[in-house]
Amino acid sequence: MAADLRQVLSTQRIVPELERSHDLVEHIAEHASHILSDDLSPLARGLVQKMGDIAAEMWNLSANAWYERHPAAAEALDERDDDLDSVHSELMAELASGKMSLPVAMDMTLVARYYERLGDHAVNIARRVVFRAGGPHNE
C-alpha cells in the first residue's frame, strides 16, 4: 500500500514539472532565430549549444530513471546540473561582454535561464524517483 501511495504522489508531483518544462522548450524555440543566425558570437552560440546538449542529456537520464525506477540517478543529475550551472555562468559572462546587440543579449539571457530551469526540473523528477523508491523526501 505504501508503494502504491508513493507511486501516485510521485506521479502527481511530476506532472507540473513536465508542464513547466514543455513551456520552457516552447520559449527556447521562440528565440531560435537568434541561435540560428549570426546575431550571436561564436562563443555564445557554442555555449547555448552546450547548455542544450546538457539539458537534453539530463532529461534522458531523468526519463530513464523514472522508467527503470533507478534512484541513484538523482546524484548523477545533481552533478550534471552543476555542469549546466557552470555553462550558464560562462554564457552570462559572454552576453555581458558587449559583443552582441542589447536585444539579442537580453533574449539569450532568457534562453540561458530557460535551459537552466530545464535542468532543475529534470533534477526534481529524479528526486521523485528517490521518493518513489522509498527514499527520503527531499523538496
Protein backbone atom coordinates (compact mmCIF):
# COMPACT_ATOMS: atom_id res chain seq x y z
CA MET A 1 0.00 0.00 0.00
CA ALA A 2 2.80 2.45 0.85
CA ALA A 3 4.49 1.77 -2.51
CA ASP A 4 1.24 2.47 -4.35
CA LEU A 5 0.77 5.72 -2.47
CA ARG A 6 4.34 6.78 -3.25
CA GLN A 7 3.71 5.99 -6.92
CA VAL A 8 0.53 8.10 -7.04
CA LEU A 9 2.08 11.02 -5.14
CA SER A 10 5.20 10.96 -7.28
CA THR A 11 3.20 10.93 -10.47
CA GLN A 12 1.09 13.84 -9.29
CA ARG A 13 4.21 15.79 -8.41
CA ILE A 14 5.98 15.31 -11.74
CA VAL A 15 3.06 16.40 -13.93
CA PRO A 16 3.63 20.11 -13.17
CA GLU A 17 7.37 19.62 -13.78
CA LEU A 18 6.56 18.22 -17.22
CA GLU A 19 4.14 21.03 -18.00
CA ARG A 20 6.58 23.76 -16.95
CA SER A 21 9.38 22.12 -18.92
CA HIS A 22 7.22 21.99 -22.03
CA ASP A 23 6.60 25.72 -21.67
CA LEU A 24 10.33 26.36 -21.35
CA VAL A 25 11.08 24.39 -24.50
CA GLU A 26 8.46 26.42 -26.36
CA HIS A 27 10.09 29.64 -25.16
CA ILE A 28 13.50 28.44 -26.31
CA ALA A 29 12.05 27.64 -29.74
CA GLU A 30 10.61 31.16 -29.95
CA HIS A 31 14.15 32.56 -29.66
CA ALA A 32 15.74 30.07 -32.07
CA SER A 33 16.12 32.69 -34.79
CA HIS A 34 18.98 34.29 -32.79
CA ILE A 35 20.57 30.93 -32.13
CA LEU A 36 20.50 30.06 -35.84
CA SER A 37 21.63 33.45 -37.16
CA ASP A 38 24.86 35.44 -36.99
CA ASP A 39 23.45 37.56 -34.12
CA LEU A 40 25.44 35.58 -31.54
CA SER A 41 29.17 35.48 -31.09
CA PRO A 42 30.67 32.07 -31.93
CA LEU A 43 31.44 31.52 -28.24
CA ALA A 44 27.88 32.35 -27.19
CA ARG A 45 26.46 30.07 -29.88
CA GLY A 46 28.69 27.23 -28.66
CA LEU A 47 27.70 27.78 -25.05
CA VAL A 48 23.98 27.80 -25.92
CA GLN A 49 24.51 24.55 -27.84
CA LYS A 50 26.34 23.07 -24.86
CA MET A 51 23.53 24.06 -22.50
CA GLY A 52 21.02 22.44 -24.84
CA ASP A 53 23.07 19.25 -25.01
CA ILE A 54 23.42 19.02 -21.23
CA ALA A 55 19.72 19.74 -20.66
CA ALA A 56 18.75 17.06 -23.21
CA GLU A 57 21.09 14.57 -21.55
CA MET A 58 19.62 15.39 -18.15
CA TRP A 59 16.09 14.80 -19.43
CA ASN A 60 17.12 11.47 -20.93
CA LEU A 61 18.67 10.46 -17.60
CA SER A 62 15.58 11.59 -15.75
CA ALA A 63 13.21 9.70 -18.05
CA ASN A 64 15.31 6.55 -17.82
CA ALA A 65 15.49 6.84 -14.03
CA TRP A 66 11.69 7.12 -13.85
CA TYR A 67 11.14 4.23 -16.23
CA GLU A 68 13.72 1.96 -14.58
CA ARG A 69 12.93 3.17 -11.05
CA HIS A 70 16.60 3.86 -10.53
CA PRO A 71 17.03 6.23 -7.57
CA ALA A 72 20.81 6.61 -7.96
CA ALA A 73 20.17 8.82 -10.98
CA ALA A 74 19.36 11.76 -8.70
CA GLU A 75 23.00 12.08 -7.67
CA ALA A 76 24.20 11.88 -11.29
CA LEU A 77 21.67 14.53 -12.28
CA ASP A 78 22.79 16.82 -9.46
CA GLU A 79 26.32 16.63 -10.89
CA ARG A 80 25.13 17.38 -14.43
CA ASP A 81 23.06 20.26 -13.05
CA ASP A 82 26.24 21.72 -11.59
CA ASP A 83 27.80 21.47 -15.07
CA LEU A 84 24.78 23.21 -16.58
CA ASP A 85 25.01 25.98 -13.99
CA SER A 86 28.69 26.44 -14.82
CA VAL A 87 28.00 26.79 -18.56
CA HIS A 88 25.15 29.17 -17.70
CA SER A 89 27.64 31.38 -15.85
CA GLU A 90 30.05 31.29 -18.80
CA LEU A 91 27.27 32.30 -21.18
CA MET A 92 26.18 35.15 -18.91
CA ALA A 93 29.74 36.49 -18.94
CA GLU A 94 29.87 36.28 -22.74
CA LEU A 95 26.50 38.02 -23.09
CA ALA A 96 27.63 40.79 -20.75
CA SER A 97 30.81 41.34 -22.76
CA GLY A 98 29.05 43.70 -25.18
CA LYS A 99 29.90 41.71 -28.31
CA MET A 100 26.21 41.39 -29.24
CA SER A 101 23.39 43.86 -29.55
CA LEU A 102 21.40 44.50 -26.40
CA PRO A 103 18.14 42.90 -27.67
CA VAL A 104 19.99 39.73 -28.65
CA ALA A 105 21.83 39.60 -25.33
CA MET A 106 18.54 40.05 -23.48
CA ASP A 107 16.85 37.28 -25.47
CA MET A 108 19.75 34.91 -24.95
CA THR A 109 19.79 35.69 -21.24
CA LEU A 110 16.24 34.37 -21.14
CA VAL A 111 17.17 31.30 -23.20
CA ALA A 112 20.04 30.55 -20.83
CA ARG A 113 17.69 30.83 -17.89
CA TYR A 114 15.18 28.54 -19.59
CA TYR A 115 17.85 25.90 -20.12
CA GLU A 116 18.99 26.24 -16.52
CA ARG A 117 15.41 25.74 -15.32
CA LEU A 118 15.00 22.69 -17.59
CA GLY A 119 17.90 21.13 -15.73
CA ASP A 120 16.32 21.94 -12.38
CA HIS A 121 13.06 20.28 -13.44
CA ALA A 122 14.93 17.13 -14.52
CA VAL A 123 16.62 17.01 -11.09
CA ASN A 124 13.23 17.40 -9.38
CA ILE A 125 11.86 14.43 -11.30
CA ALA A 126 14.87 12.34 -10.30
CA ARG A 127 14.19 13.26 -6.68
CA ARG A 128 10.66 11.96 -7.15
CA VAL A 129 12.21 8.66 -8.27
CA VAL A 130 14.11 8.51 -4.96
CA PHE A 131 10.90 9.18 -3.04
CA ARG A 132 9.00 6.63 -5.14
CA ALA A 133 11.64 4.02 -4.34
CA GLY A 134 11.15 4.62 -0.61
CA GLY A 135 13.99 7.06 -0.03
CA PRO A 136 13.84 10.32 1.88
CA HIS A 137 11.50 13.10 0.86
CA ASN A 138 13.73 15.99 -0.37
CA GLU A 139 11.80 19.03 -1.54
